[in-house]
Full PDB file with SEQRES, HELIX, SHEET, SSBOND, CRYST1, ORIGX, SCALE, CONECT and MASTER records, all heavy atoms in Angstrom:
SEQRES   1 A   41  LEU ILE ASP ALA LEU ALA VAL LEU LEU VAL ARG LEU HIS          
SEQRES   2 A   41  LEU THR GLY PHE TYR TRP GLY ASP VAL SER LEU SER ASN          
SEQRES   3 A   41  THR LEU PHE ARG ARG ASP ALA GLY GLU PHE ALA ALA TYR          
SEQRES   4 A   41  LEU VAL                                                      
HELIX    1 AA1 ILE A    2  THR A   15  1                                  14    
SHEET    1 AA1 2 THR A  27  ASP A  32  0                                        
SHEET    2 AA1 2 GLU A  35  LEU A  40 -1                                        
CRYST1    1.000    1.000    1.000  90.00  90.00  90.00 P 1           1          
ORIGX1      1.000000  0.000000  0.000000        0.00000                         
ORIGX2      0.000000  1.000000  0.000000        0.00000                         
ORIGX3      0.000000  0.000000  1.000000        0.00000                         
SCALE1      1.000000  0.000000  0.000000        0.00000                         
SCALE2      0.000000  1.000000  0.000000        0.00000                         
SCALE3      0.000000  0.000000  1.000000        0.00000                         
ATOM      1  N   LEU A   1    -164.454 -81.958 157.945  1.00  0.00           N  
ATOM      2  CA  LEU A   1    -164.686 -82.984 156.995  1.00  0.00           C  
ATOM      3  C   LEU A   1    -163.974 -84.256 157.452  1.00  0.00           C  
ATOM      4  O   LEU A   1    -164.367 -85.295 157.222  1.00  0.00           O  
ATOM      5  CB  LEU A   1    -164.249 -82.510 155.606  1.00  0.00           C  
ATOM      6  CG  LEU A   1    -165.181 -81.368 154.985  1.00  0.00           C  
ATOM      7  CD1 LEU A   1    -164.661 -81.147 153.476  1.00  0.00           C  
ATOM      8  CD2 LEU A   1    -166.587 -81.730 155.015  1.00  0.00           C  
ATOM      9  N   ILE A   2    -162.723 -84.066 157.917  1.00  0.00           N  
ATOM     10  CA  ILE A   2    -161.886 -85.182 158.336  1.00  0.00           C  
ATOM     11  C   ILE A   2    -162.559 -85.927 159.570  1.00  0.00           C  
ATOM     12  O   ILE A   2    -162.621 -87.212 159.566  1.00  0.00           O  
ATOM     13  CB  ILE A   2    -160.493 -84.768 158.834  1.00  0.00           C  
ATOM     14  CG1 ILE A   2    -159.843 -84.040 157.756  1.00  0.00           C  
ATOM     15  CG2 ILE A   2    -159.693 -85.872 159.456  1.00  0.00           C  
ATOM     16  CD1 ILE A   2    -159.598 -84.958 156.450  1.00  0.00           C  
ATOM     17  N   ASP A   3    -163.205 -85.201 160.376  1.00  0.00           N  
ATOM     18  CA  ASP A   3    -163.977 -85.834 161.603  1.00  0.00           C  
ATOM     19  C   ASP A   3    -165.030 -86.535 160.999  1.00  0.00           C  
ATOM     20  O   ASP A   3    -165.272 -87.752 161.476  1.00  0.00           O  
ATOM     21  CB  ASP A   3    -164.533 -84.731 162.350  1.00  0.00           C  
ATOM     22  CG  ASP A   3    -163.579 -84.183 163.375  1.00  0.00           C  
ATOM     23  OD1 ASP A   3    -162.514 -84.738 163.544  1.00  0.00           O  
ATOM     24  OD2 ASP A   3    -163.837 -82.965 163.922  1.00  0.00           O  
ATOM     25  N   ALA A   4    -165.847 -86.185 160.115  1.00  0.00           N  
ATOM     26  CA  ALA A   4    -167.016 -86.777 159.452  1.00  0.00           C  
ATOM     27  C   ALA A   4    -166.450 -88.159 158.803  1.00  0.00           C  
ATOM     28  O   ALA A   4    -167.134 -89.240 158.836  1.00  0.00           O  
ATOM     29  CB  ALA A   4    -167.677 -85.949 158.436  1.00  0.00           C  
ATOM     30  N   LEU A   5    -165.284 -88.019 157.952  1.00  0.00           N  
ATOM     31  CA  LEU A   5    -164.771 -89.185 157.228  1.00  0.00           C  
ATOM     32  C   LEU A   5    -164.341 -90.172 158.240  1.00  0.00           C  
ATOM     33  O   LEU A   5    -164.457 -91.473 158.006  1.00  0.00           O  
ATOM     34  CB  LEU A   5    -163.739 -88.639 156.290  1.00  0.00           C  
ATOM     35  CG  LEU A   5    -162.997 -89.749 155.405  1.00  0.00           C  
ATOM     36  CD1 LEU A   5    -164.117 -90.429 154.605  1.00  0.00           C  
ATOM     37  CD2 LEU A   5    -162.021 -89.221 154.438  1.00  0.00           C  
ATOM     38  N   ALA A   6    -163.776 -89.831 159.255  1.00  0.00           N  
ATOM     39  CA  ALA A   6    -163.252 -90.747 160.390  1.00  0.00           C  
ATOM     40  C   ALA A   6    -164.349 -91.553 160.929  1.00  0.00           C  
ATOM     41  O   ALA A   6    -164.349 -92.731 161.058  1.00  0.00           O  
ATOM     42  CB  ALA A   6    -162.528 -89.975 161.598  1.00  0.00           C  
ATOM     43  N   VAL A   7    -165.499 -90.873 161.247  1.00  0.00           N  
ATOM     44  CA  VAL A   7    -166.777 -91.583 161.740  1.00  0.00           C  
ATOM     45  C   VAL A   7    -167.265 -92.517 160.685  1.00  0.00           C  
ATOM     46  O   VAL A   7    -167.662 -93.691 161.031  1.00  0.00           O  
ATOM     47  CB  VAL A   7    -167.768 -90.556 162.137  1.00  0.00           C  
ATOM     48  CG1 VAL A   7    -169.139 -91.241 162.430  1.00  0.00           C  
ATOM     49  CG2 VAL A   7    -167.378 -89.699 163.340  1.00  0.00           C  
ATOM     50  N   LEU A   8    -167.322 -92.217 159.428  1.00  0.00           N  
ATOM     51  CA  LEU A   8    -167.719 -93.123 158.566  1.00  0.00           C  
ATOM     52  C   LEU A   8    -166.895 -94.271 158.179  1.00  0.00           C  
ATOM     53  O   LEU A   8    -167.325 -95.461 158.276  1.00  0.00           O  
ATOM     54  CB  LEU A   8    -167.759 -92.356 157.082  1.00  0.00           C  
ATOM     55  CG  LEU A   8    -168.137 -93.214 155.930  1.00  0.00           C  
ATOM     56  CD1 LEU A   8    -169.467 -93.983 155.898  1.00  0.00           C  
ATOM     57  CD2 LEU A   8    -167.977 -92.481 154.517  1.00  0.00           C  
ATOM     58  N   LEU A   9    -165.483 -94.045 158.319  1.00  0.00           N  
ATOM     59  CA  LEU A   9    -164.464 -95.166 158.209  1.00  0.00           C  
ATOM     60  C   LEU A   9    -164.662 -96.148 159.453  1.00  0.00           C  
ATOM     61  O   LEU A   9    -164.556 -97.404 159.222  1.00  0.00           O  
ATOM     62  CB  LEU A   9    -163.228 -94.635 158.105  1.00  0.00           C  
ATOM     63  CG  LEU A   9    -162.106 -95.592 157.735  1.00  0.00           C  
ATOM     64  CD1 LEU A   9    -162.380 -96.427 156.510  1.00  0.00           C  
ATOM     65  CD2 LEU A   9    -160.667 -94.956 157.606  1.00  0.00           C  
ATOM     66  N   VAL A  10    -164.822 -95.629 160.589  1.00  0.00           N  
ATOM     67  CA  VAL A  10    -164.964 -96.572 161.736  1.00  0.00           C  
ATOM     68  C   VAL A  10    -166.324 -97.285 161.574  1.00  0.00           C  
ATOM     69  O   VAL A  10    -166.349 -98.563 161.790  1.00  0.00           O  
ATOM     70  CB  VAL A  10    -165.133 -95.695 163.092  1.00  0.00           C  
ATOM     71  CG1 VAL A  10    -165.599 -96.565 164.171  1.00  0.00           C  
ATOM     72  CG2 VAL A  10    -163.744 -95.199 163.444  1.00  0.00           C  
ATOM     73  N   ARG A  11    -167.462 -96.802 161.078  1.00  0.00           N  
ATOM     74  CA  ARG A  11    -168.648 -97.430 160.938  1.00  0.00           C  
ATOM     75  C   ARG A  11    -168.423 -98.484 159.890  1.00  0.00           C  
ATOM     76  O   ARG A  11    -168.954 -99.623 160.010  1.00  0.00           O  
ATOM     77  CB  ARG A  11    -169.806 -96.454 160.497  1.00  0.00           C  
ATOM     78  CG  ARG A  11    -170.268 -95.613 161.539  1.00  0.00           C  
ATOM     79  CD  ARG A  11    -171.546 -94.755 161.166  1.00  0.00           C  
ATOM     80  NE  ARG A  11    -172.772 -95.770 160.997  1.00  0.00           N  
ATOM     81  CZ  ARG A  11    -173.916 -95.276 160.772  1.00  0.00           C  
ATOM     82  NH1 ARG A  11    -174.155 -94.009 160.708  1.00  0.00           N  
ATOM     83  NH2 ARG A  11    -174.932 -96.122 160.552  1.00  0.00           N  
ATOM     84  N   LEU A  12    -167.688 -98.212 158.793  1.00  0.00           N  
ATOM     85  CA  LEU A  12    -167.515 -99.309 157.771  1.00  0.00           C  
ATOM     86  C   LEU A  12    -166.665-100.408 158.282  1.00  0.00           C  
ATOM     87  O   LEU A  12    -166.997-101.622 157.965  1.00  0.00           O  
ATOM     88  CB  LEU A  12    -166.766 -98.715 156.502  1.00  0.00           C  
ATOM     89  CG  LEU A  12    -167.657 -97.696 155.699  1.00  0.00           C  
ATOM     90  CD1 LEU A  12    -166.795 -96.868 154.767  1.00  0.00           C  
ATOM     91  CD2 LEU A  12    -168.674 -98.355 154.886  1.00  0.00           C  
ATOM     92  N   HIS A  13    -165.679-100.064 158.993  1.00  0.00           N  
ATOM     93  CA  HIS A  13    -164.806-101.255 159.525  1.00  0.00           C  
ATOM     94  C   HIS A  13    -165.424-102.014 160.647  1.00  0.00           C  
ATOM     95  O   HIS A  13    -165.344-103.156 160.656  1.00  0.00           O  
ATOM     96  CB  HIS A  13    -163.621-100.506 160.269  1.00  0.00           C  
ATOM     97  CG  HIS A  13    -162.522-100.107 159.114  1.00  0.00           C  
ATOM     98  ND1 HIS A  13    -161.440 -99.395 159.398  1.00  0.00           N  
ATOM     99  CD2 HIS A  13    -162.610-100.291 157.789  1.00  0.00           C  
ATOM    100  CE1 HIS A  13    -160.782 -99.201 158.318  1.00  0.00           C  
ATOM    101  NE2 HIS A  13    -161.583 -99.593 157.260  1.00  0.00           N  
ATOM    102  N   LEU A  14    -166.481-101.345 161.391  1.00  0.00           N  
ATOM    103  CA  LEU A  14    -167.299-102.132 162.375  1.00  0.00           C  
ATOM    104  C   LEU A  14    -168.225-103.210 161.692  1.00  0.00           C  
ATOM    105  O   LEU A  14    -168.342-104.235 162.188  1.00  0.00           O  
ATOM    106  CB  LEU A  14    -168.082-101.086 163.209  1.00  0.00           C  
ATOM    107  CG  LEU A  14    -167.336-100.527 164.214  1.00  0.00           C  
ATOM    108  CD1 LEU A  14    -168.273 -99.376 164.814  1.00  0.00           C  
ATOM    109  CD2 LEU A  14    -166.833-101.304 165.298  1.00  0.00           C  
ATOM    110  N   THR A  15    -168.522-102.942 160.411  1.00  0.00           N  
ATOM    111  CA  THR A  15    -169.514-103.778 159.658  1.00  0.00           C  
ATOM    112  C   THR A  15    -168.595-104.813 158.945  1.00  0.00           C  
ATOM    113  O   THR A  15    -169.213-105.773 158.261  1.00  0.00           O  
ATOM    114  CB  THR A  15    -170.373-103.108 158.710  1.00  0.00           C  
ATOM    115  OG1 THR A  15    -169.621-102.495 157.733  1.00  0.00           O  
ATOM    116  CG2 THR A  15    -171.298-102.047 159.570  1.00  0.00           C  
ATOM    117  N   GLY A  16    -167.302-104.685 158.888  1.00  0.00           N  
ATOM    118  CA  GLY A  16    -166.532-105.628 158.207  1.00  0.00           C  
ATOM    119  C   GLY A  16    -166.090-105.205 156.764  1.00  0.00           C  
ATOM    120  O   GLY A  16    -165.732-106.023 156.008  1.00  0.00           O  
ATOM    121  N   PHE A  17    -166.428-103.891 156.537  1.00  0.00           N  
ATOM    122  CA  PHE A  17    -166.162-103.347 155.168  1.00  0.00           C  
ATOM    123  C   PHE A  17    -164.754-102.741 154.933  1.00  0.00           C  
ATOM    124  O   PHE A  17    -164.392-101.916 155.603  1.00  0.00           O  
ATOM    125  CB  PHE A  17    -167.193-102.339 154.660  1.00  0.00           C  
ATOM    126  CG  PHE A  17    -167.076-101.805 153.312  1.00  0.00           C  
ATOM    127  CD1 PHE A  17    -167.682-102.654 152.194  1.00  0.00           C  
ATOM    128  CD2 PHE A  17    -166.579-100.715 152.945  1.00  0.00           C  
ATOM    129  CE1 PHE A  17    -167.532-102.270 150.937  1.00  0.00           C  
ATOM    130  CE2 PHE A  17    -166.389-100.227 151.582  1.00  0.00           C  
ATOM    131  CZ  PHE A  17    -167.023-101.035 150.592  1.00  0.00           C  
ATOM    132  N   TYR A  18    -163.976-103.298 154.087  1.00  0.00           N  
ATOM    133  CA  TYR A  18    -162.679-102.806 153.726  1.00  0.00           C  
ATOM    134  C   TYR A  18    -162.817-101.934 152.421  1.00  0.00           C  
ATOM    135  O   TYR A  18    -163.292-102.405 151.362  1.00  0.00           O  
ATOM    136  CB  TYR A  18    -161.687-103.986 153.375  1.00  0.00           C  
ATOM    137  CG  TYR A  18    -160.421-103.393 152.830  1.00  0.00           C  
ATOM    138  CD1 TYR A  18    -159.428-102.876 153.486  1.00  0.00           C  
ATOM    139  CD2 TYR A  18    -160.221-103.674 151.450  1.00  0.00           C  
ATOM    140  CE1 TYR A  18    -158.262-102.326 152.926  1.00  0.00           C  
ATOM    141  CE2 TYR A  18    -158.920-103.179 150.832  1.00  0.00           C  
ATOM    142  CZ  TYR A  18    -157.885-102.568 151.501  1.00  0.00           C  
ATOM    143  OH  TYR A  18    -156.843-102.123 150.998  1.00  0.00           O  
ATOM    144  N   TRP A  19    -162.549-100.611 152.469  1.00  0.00           N  
ATOM    145  CA  TRP A  19    -162.867 -99.695 151.459  1.00  0.00           C  
ATOM    146  C   TRP A  19    -161.827 -99.895 150.312  1.00  0.00           C  
ATOM    147  O   TRP A  19    -162.167 -99.880 149.124  1.00  0.00           O  
ATOM    148  CB  TRP A  19    -162.894 -98.267 152.037  1.00  0.00           C  
ATOM    149  CG  TRP A  19    -163.555 -97.240 151.162  1.00  0.00           C  
ATOM    150  CD1 TRP A  19    -163.745 -97.339 149.884  1.00  0.00           C  
ATOM    151  CD2 TRP A  19    -164.123 -96.057 151.617  1.00  0.00           C  
ATOM    152  NE1 TRP A  19    -164.477 -96.124 149.415  1.00  0.00           N  
ATOM    153  CE2 TRP A  19    -164.541 -95.278 150.544  1.00  0.00           C  
ATOM    154  CE3 TRP A  19    -164.209 -95.444 152.849  1.00  0.00           C  
ATOM    155  CZ2 TRP A  19    -165.193 -94.124 150.476  1.00  0.00           C  
ATOM    156  CZ3 TRP A  19    -164.746 -94.143 152.923  1.00  0.00           C  
ATOM    157  CH2 TRP A  19    -165.305 -93.453 151.784  1.00  0.00           C  
ATOM    158  N   GLY A  20    -160.525 -99.736 150.696  1.00  0.00           N  
ATOM    159  CA  GLY A  20    -159.516 -99.856 149.648  1.00  0.00           C  
ATOM    160  C   GLY A  20    -159.202 -98.603 148.910  1.00  0.00           C  
ATOM    161  O   GLY A  20    -158.118 -98.512 148.251  1.00  0.00           O  
ATOM    162  N   ASP A  21    -159.973 -97.490 148.995  1.00  0.00           N  
ATOM    163  CA  ASP A  21    -159.608 -96.343 148.295  1.00  0.00           C  
ATOM    164  C   ASP A  21    -160.386 -95.207 149.132  1.00  0.00           C  
ATOM    165  O   ASP A  21    -161.069 -94.394 148.445  1.00  0.00           O  
ATOM    166  CB  ASP A  21    -160.101 -96.353 146.898  1.00  0.00           C  
ATOM    167  CG  ASP A  21    -159.521 -95.177 146.034  1.00  0.00           C  
ATOM    168  OD1 ASP A  21    -158.608 -94.568 146.434  1.00  0.00           O  
ATOM    169  OD2 ASP A  21    -160.086 -94.896 144.982  1.00  0.00           O  
ATOM    170  N   VAL A  22    -160.060 -95.147 150.378  1.00  0.00           N  
ATOM    171  CA  VAL A  22    -160.525 -94.035 151.155  1.00  0.00           C  
ATOM    172  C   VAL A  22    -160.108 -92.733 150.763  1.00  0.00           C  
ATOM    173  O   VAL A  22    -158.909 -92.429 150.721  1.00  0.00           O  
ATOM    174  CB  VAL A  22    -160.292 -94.231 152.618  1.00  0.00           C  
ATOM    175  CG1 VAL A  22    -161.092 -93.327 153.531  1.00  0.00           C  
ATOM    176  CG2 VAL A  22    -160.425 -95.721 153.022  1.00  0.00           C  
ATOM    177  N   SER A  23    -161.047 -91.741 150.539  1.00  0.00           N  
ATOM    178  CA  SER A  23    -160.539 -90.407 150.099  1.00  0.00           C  
ATOM    179  C   SER A  23    -161.769 -89.474 150.209  1.00  0.00           C  
ATOM    180  O   SER A  23    -162.906 -89.885 150.257  1.00  0.00           O  
ATOM    181  CB  SER A  23    -160.139 -90.402 148.655  1.00  0.00           C  
ATOM    182  OG  SER A  23    -161.141 -90.719 147.801  1.00  0.00           O  
ATOM    183  N   LEU A  24    -161.499 -88.143 150.284  1.00  0.00           N  
ATOM    184  CA  LEU A  24    -162.572 -87.110 150.173  1.00  0.00           C  
ATOM    185  C   LEU A  24    -163.365 -87.191 148.843  1.00  0.00           C  
ATOM    186  O   LEU A  24    -164.543 -87.057 148.881  1.00  0.00           O  
ATOM    187  CB  LEU A  24    -161.930 -85.775 150.356  1.00  0.00           C  
ATOM    188  CG  LEU A  24    -161.288 -85.450 151.651  1.00  0.00           C  
ATOM    189  CD1 LEU A  24    -160.534 -84.155 151.709  1.00  0.00           C  
ATOM    190  CD2 LEU A  24    -162.237 -85.503 152.873  1.00  0.00           C  
ATOM    191  N   SER A  25    -162.459 -87.627 147.815  1.00  0.00           N  
ATOM    192  CA  SER A  25    -163.258 -87.582 146.491  1.00  0.00           C  
ATOM    193  C   SER A  25    -164.365 -88.727 146.420  1.00  0.00           C  
ATOM    194  O   SER A  25    -165.313 -88.463 145.681  1.00  0.00           O  
ATOM    195  CB  SER A  25    -162.243 -87.906 145.459  1.00  0.00           C  
ATOM    196  OG  SER A  25    -161.264 -86.845 145.331  1.00  0.00           O  
ATOM    197  N   ASN A  26    -164.195 -89.778 147.150  1.00  0.00           N  
ATOM    198  CA  ASN A  26    -165.145 -90.840 147.002  1.00  0.00           C  
ATOM    199  C   ASN A  26    -166.063 -90.824 148.193  1.00  0.00           C  
ATOM    200  O   ASN A  26    -166.868 -91.769 148.589  1.00  0.00           O  
ATOM    201  CB  ASN A  26    -164.374 -92.186 147.265  1.00  0.00           C  
ATOM    202  CG  ASN A  26    -163.474 -92.499 145.927  1.00  0.00           C  
ATOM    203  OD1 ASN A  26    -163.815 -92.146 144.944  1.00  0.00           O  
ATOM    204  ND2 ASN A  26    -162.429 -93.356 146.192  1.00  0.00           N  
ATOM    205  N   THR A  27    -166.379 -89.486 148.642  1.00  0.00           N  
ATOM    206  CA  THR A  27    -167.303 -89.376 149.894  1.00  0.00           C  
ATOM    207  C   THR A  27    -168.122 -88.038 149.536  1.00  0.00           C  
ATOM    208  O   THR A  27    -167.744 -87.144 148.751  1.00  0.00           O  
ATOM    209  CB  THR A  27    -166.468 -89.021 150.984  1.00  0.00           C  
ATOM    210  OG1 THR A  27    -165.459 -89.919 151.343  1.00  0.00           O  
ATOM    211  CG2 THR A  27    -167.489 -88.940 152.258  1.00  0.00           C  
ATOM    212  N   LEU A  28    -169.457 -88.157 149.870  1.00  0.00           N  
ATOM    213  CA  LEU A  28    -170.250 -87.110 149.842  1.00  0.00           C  
ATOM    214  C   LEU A  28    -170.538 -86.531 151.300  1.00  0.00           C  
ATOM    215  O   LEU A  28    -170.636 -87.382 152.198  1.00  0.00           O  
ATOM    216  CB  LEU A  28    -171.686 -87.330 149.044  1.00  0.00           C  
ATOM    217  CG  LEU A  28    -171.562 -87.493 147.600  1.00  0.00           C  
ATOM    218  CD1 LEU A  28    -172.953 -88.030 147.104  1.00  0.00           C  
ATOM    219  CD2 LEU A  28    -171.166 -86.159 146.817  1.00  0.00           C  
ATOM    220  N   PHE A  29    -170.849 -85.175 151.377  1.00  0.00           N  
ATOM    221  CA  PHE A  29    -171.066 -84.650 152.716  1.00  0.00           C  
ATOM    222  C   PHE A  29    -172.476 -83.976 152.790  1.00  0.00           C  
ATOM    223  O   PHE A  29    -172.749 -83.155 151.877  1.00  0.00           O  
ATOM    224  CB  PHE A  29    -169.878 -83.784 153.095  1.00  0.00           C  
ATOM    225  CG  PHE A  29    -168.523 -84.358 153.167  1.00  0.00           C  
ATOM    226  CD1 PHE A  29    -167.714 -84.489 152.027  1.00  0.00           C  
ATOM    227  CD2 PHE A  29    -168.060 -84.904 154.371  1.00  0.00           C  
ATOM    228  CE1 PHE A  29    -166.568 -85.015 152.064  1.00  0.00           C  
ATOM    229  CE2 PHE A  29    -166.871 -85.600 154.393  1.00  0.00           C  
ATOM    230  CZ  PHE A  29    -166.066 -85.680 153.199  1.00  0.00           C  
ATOM    231  N   ARG A  30    -173.096 -84.221 153.813  1.00  0.00           N  
ATOM    232  CA  ARG A  30    -174.257 -83.522 154.242  1.00  0.00           C  
ATOM    233  C   ARG A  30    -174.305 -82.797 155.598  1.00  0.00           C  
ATOM    234  O   ARG A  30    -173.476 -83.235 156.368  1.00  0.00           O  
ATOM    235  CB  ARG A  30    -175.489 -84.438 154.252  1.00  0.00           C  
ATOM    236  CG  ARG A  30    -175.856 -85.073 152.955  1.00  0.00           C  
ATOM    237  CD  ARG A  30    -176.970 -86.106 153.075  1.00  0.00           C  
ATOM    238  NE  ARG A  30    -178.229 -85.504 153.379  1.00  0.00           N  
ATOM    239  CZ  ARG A  30    -179.368 -86.293 153.430  1.00  0.00           C  
ATOM    240  NH1 ARG A  30    -179.383 -87.645 153.408  1.00  0.00           N  
ATOM    241  NH2 ARG A  30    -180.497 -85.681 153.670  1.00  0.00           N  
ATOM    242  N   ARG A  31    -174.866 -81.649 155.616  1.00  0.00           N  
ATOM    243  CA  ARG A  31    -174.856 -80.870 156.793  1.00  0.00           C  
ATOM    244  C   ARG A  31    -175.641 -81.701 157.910  1.00  0.00           C  
ATOM    245  O   ARG A  31    -176.597 -82.165 157.601  1.00  0.00           O  
ATOM    246  CB  ARG A  31    -175.510 -79.544 156.649  1.00  0.00           C  
ATOM    247  CG  ARG A  31    -174.655 -78.664 155.796  1.00  0.00           C  
ATOM    248  CD  ARG A  31    -175.189 -77.178 155.825  1.00  0.00           C  
ATOM    249  NE  ARG A  31    -174.119 -76.465 155.083  1.00  0.00           N  
ATOM    250  CZ  ARG A  31    -173.069 -75.953 155.544  1.00  0.00           C  
ATOM    251  NH1 ARG A  31    -172.816 -76.320 156.879  1.00  0.00           N  
ATOM    252  NH2 ARG A  31    -172.247 -75.242 154.927  1.00  0.00           N  
ATOM    253  N   ASP A  32    -175.107 -81.651 159.174  1.00  0.00           N  
ATOM    254  CA  ASP A  32    -175.741 -82.480 160.137  1.00  0.00           C  
ATOM    255  C   ASP A  32    -175.633 -81.625 161.527  1.00  0.00           C  
ATOM    256  O   ASP A  32    -174.680 -81.797 162.280  1.00  0.00           O  
ATOM    257  CB  ASP A  32    -175.007 -83.780 160.381  1.00  0.00           C  
ATOM    258  CG  ASP A  32    -175.709 -84.794 161.279  1.00  0.00           C  
ATOM    259  OD1 ASP A  32    -176.899 -84.320 161.772  1.00  0.00           O  
ATOM    260  OD2 ASP A  32    -175.271 -85.814 161.609  1.00  0.00           O  
ATOM    261  N   ALA A  33    -176.590 -80.672 161.653  1.00  0.00           N  
ATOM    262  CA  ALA A  33    -176.598 -79.883 162.866  1.00  0.00           C  
ATOM    263  C   ALA A  33    -175.258 -79.087 163.169  1.00  0.00           C  
ATOM    264  O   ALA A  33    -174.608 -79.120 164.125  1.00  0.00           O  
ATOM    265  CB  ALA A  33    -176.988 -80.681 164.147  1.00  0.00           C  
ATOM    266  N   GLY A  34    -174.777 -78.462 162.089  1.00  0.00           N  
ATOM    267  CA  GLY A  34    -173.671 -77.708 162.231  1.00  0.00           C  
ATOM    268  C   GLY A  34    -172.310 -78.440 161.957  1.00  0.00           C  
ATOM    269  O   GLY A  34    -171.329 -77.877 161.529  1.00  0.00           O  
ATOM    270  N   GLU A  35    -172.476 -79.772 161.897  1.00  0.00           N  
ATOM    271  CA  GLU A  35    -171.286 -80.491 161.624  1.00  0.00           C  
ATOM    272  C   GLU A  35    -171.593 -81.112 160.103  1.00  0.00           C  
ATOM    273  O   GLU A  35    -172.309 -80.694 159.475  1.00  0.00           O  
ATOM    274  CB  GLU A  35    -171.033 -81.598 162.581  1.00  0.00           C  
ATOM    275  CG  GLU A  35    -170.851 -81.108 163.994  1.00  0.00           C  
ATOM    276  CD  GLU A  35    -169.503 -80.325 164.082  1.00  0.00           C  
ATOM    277  OE1 GLU A  35    -168.633 -80.591 163.436  1.00  0.00           O  
ATOM    278  OE2 GLU A  35    -169.579 -79.383 164.863  1.00  0.00           O  
ATOM    279  N   PHE A  36    -170.771 -82.178 159.754  1.00  0.00           N  
ATOM    280  CA  PHE A  36    -171.047 -82.843 158.549  1.00  0.00           C  
ATOM    281  C   PHE A  36    -171.153 -84.240 158.778  1.00  0.00           C  
ATOM    282  O   PHE A  36    -170.531 -84.964 159.712  1.00  0.00           O  
ATOM    283  CB  PHE A  36    -169.916 -82.579 157.456  1.00  0.00           C  
ATOM    284  CG  PHE A  36    -169.826 -81.151 157.001  1.00  0.00           C  
ATOM    285  CD1 PHE A  36    -168.902 -80.229 157.517  1.00  0.00           C  
ATOM    286  CD2 PHE A  36    -170.774 -80.817 155.979  1.00  0.00           C  
ATOM    287  CE1 PHE A  36    -168.947 -78.936 157.117  1.00  0.00           C  
ATOM    288  CE2 PHE A  36    -170.683 -79.514 155.526  1.00  0.00           C  
ATOM    289  CZ  PHE A  36    -169.845 -78.601 155.994  1.00  0.00           C  
ATOM    290  N   ALA A  37    -171.987 -84.958 158.002  1.00  0.00           N  
ATOM    291  CA  ALA A  37    -172.146 -86.377 157.941  1.00  0.00           C  
ATOM    292  C   ALA A  37    -171.601 -86.867 156.573  1.00  0.00           C  
ATOM    293  O   ALA A  37    -171.845 -86.272 155.631  1.00  0.00           O  
ATOM    294  CB  ALA A  37    -173.540 -86.895 158.124  1.00  0.00           C  
ATOM    295  N   ALA A  38    -170.759 -87.898 156.542  1.00  0.00           N  
ATOM    296  CA  ALA A  38    -170.116 -88.359 155.349  1.00  0.00           C  
ATOM    297  C   ALA A  38    -170.824 -89.736 154.846  1.00  0.00           C  
ATOM    298  O   ALA A  38    -171.241 -90.577 155.756  1.00  0.00           O  
ATOM    299  CB  ALA A  38    -168.655 -88.810 155.695  1.00  0.00           C  
ATOM    300  N   TYR A  39    -170.805 -89.822 153.545  1.00  0.00           N  
ATOM    301  CA  TYR A  39    -171.604 -90.896 152.814  1.00  0.00           C  
ATOM    302  C   TYR A  39    -170.523 -91.480 151.821  1.00  0.00           C  
ATOM    303  O   TYR A  39    -169.944 -90.779 151.009  1.00  0.00           O  
ATOM    304  CB  TYR A  39    -172.720 -90.605 152.153  1.00  0.00           C  
ATOM    305  CG  TYR A  39    -173.796 -90.097 153.147  1.00  0.00           C  
ATOM    306  CD1 TYR A  39    -173.861 -88.801 153.743  1.00  0.00           C  
ATOM    307  CD2 TYR A  39    -174.977 -90.916 153.411  1.00  0.00           C  
ATOM    308  CE1 TYR A  39    -174.826 -88.351 154.656  1.00  0.00           C  
ATOM    309  CE2 TYR A  39    -175.950 -90.585 154.328  1.00  0.00           C  
ATOM    310  CZ  TYR A  39    -175.921 -89.196 154.867  1.00  0.00           C  
ATOM    311  OH  TYR A  39    -176.764 -88.980 155.777  1.00  0.00           O  
ATOM    312  N   LEU A  40    -170.336 -92.920 151.792  1.00  0.00           N  
ATOM    313  CA  LEU A  40    -169.620 -93.549 150.930  1.00  0.00           C  
ATOM    314  C   LEU A  40    -170.288 -93.434 149.436  1.00  0.00           C  
ATOM    315  O   LEU A  40    -171.489 -93.827 149.319  1.00  0.00           O  
ATOM    316  CB  LEU A  40    -169.332 -94.899 151.210  1.00  0.00           C  
ATOM    317  CG  LEU A  40    -168.562 -95.805 150.313  1.00  0.00           C  
ATOM    318  CD1 LEU A  40    -167.675 -96.878 151.044  1.00  0.00           C  
ATOM    319  CD2 LEU A  40    -169.461 -96.648 149.224  1.00  0.00           C  
ATOM    320  N   VAL A  41    -169.417 -93.015 148.415  1.00  0.00           N  
ATOM    321  CA  VAL A  41    -169.985 -92.928 147.175  1.00  0.00           C  
ATOM    322  C   VAL A  41    -169.429 -94.012 146.197  1.00  0.00           C  
ATOM    323  O   VAL A  41    -170.168 -94.704 145.475  1.00  0.00           O  
ATOM    324  CB  VAL A  41    -169.660 -91.534 146.451  1.00  0.00           C  
ATOM    325  CG1 VAL A  41    -170.080 -91.502 144.991  1.00  0.00           C  
ATOM    326  CG2 VAL A  41    -170.153 -90.452 147.339  1.00  0.00           C  
TER     327      VAL A  41                                                      
MASTER        0    0    0    1    2    0    0    6  326    1    0    4          
END                                                                             
């Protein structure tokens, strides 16, 4: 889950988005070929 959240955070920062409250609670996770993909909620 940490790996998935790190990928999401990098993608957000590349687009110029500052989250301000990064957490597992503010994220949803979907299965992605045995790993997880993270989505900002």
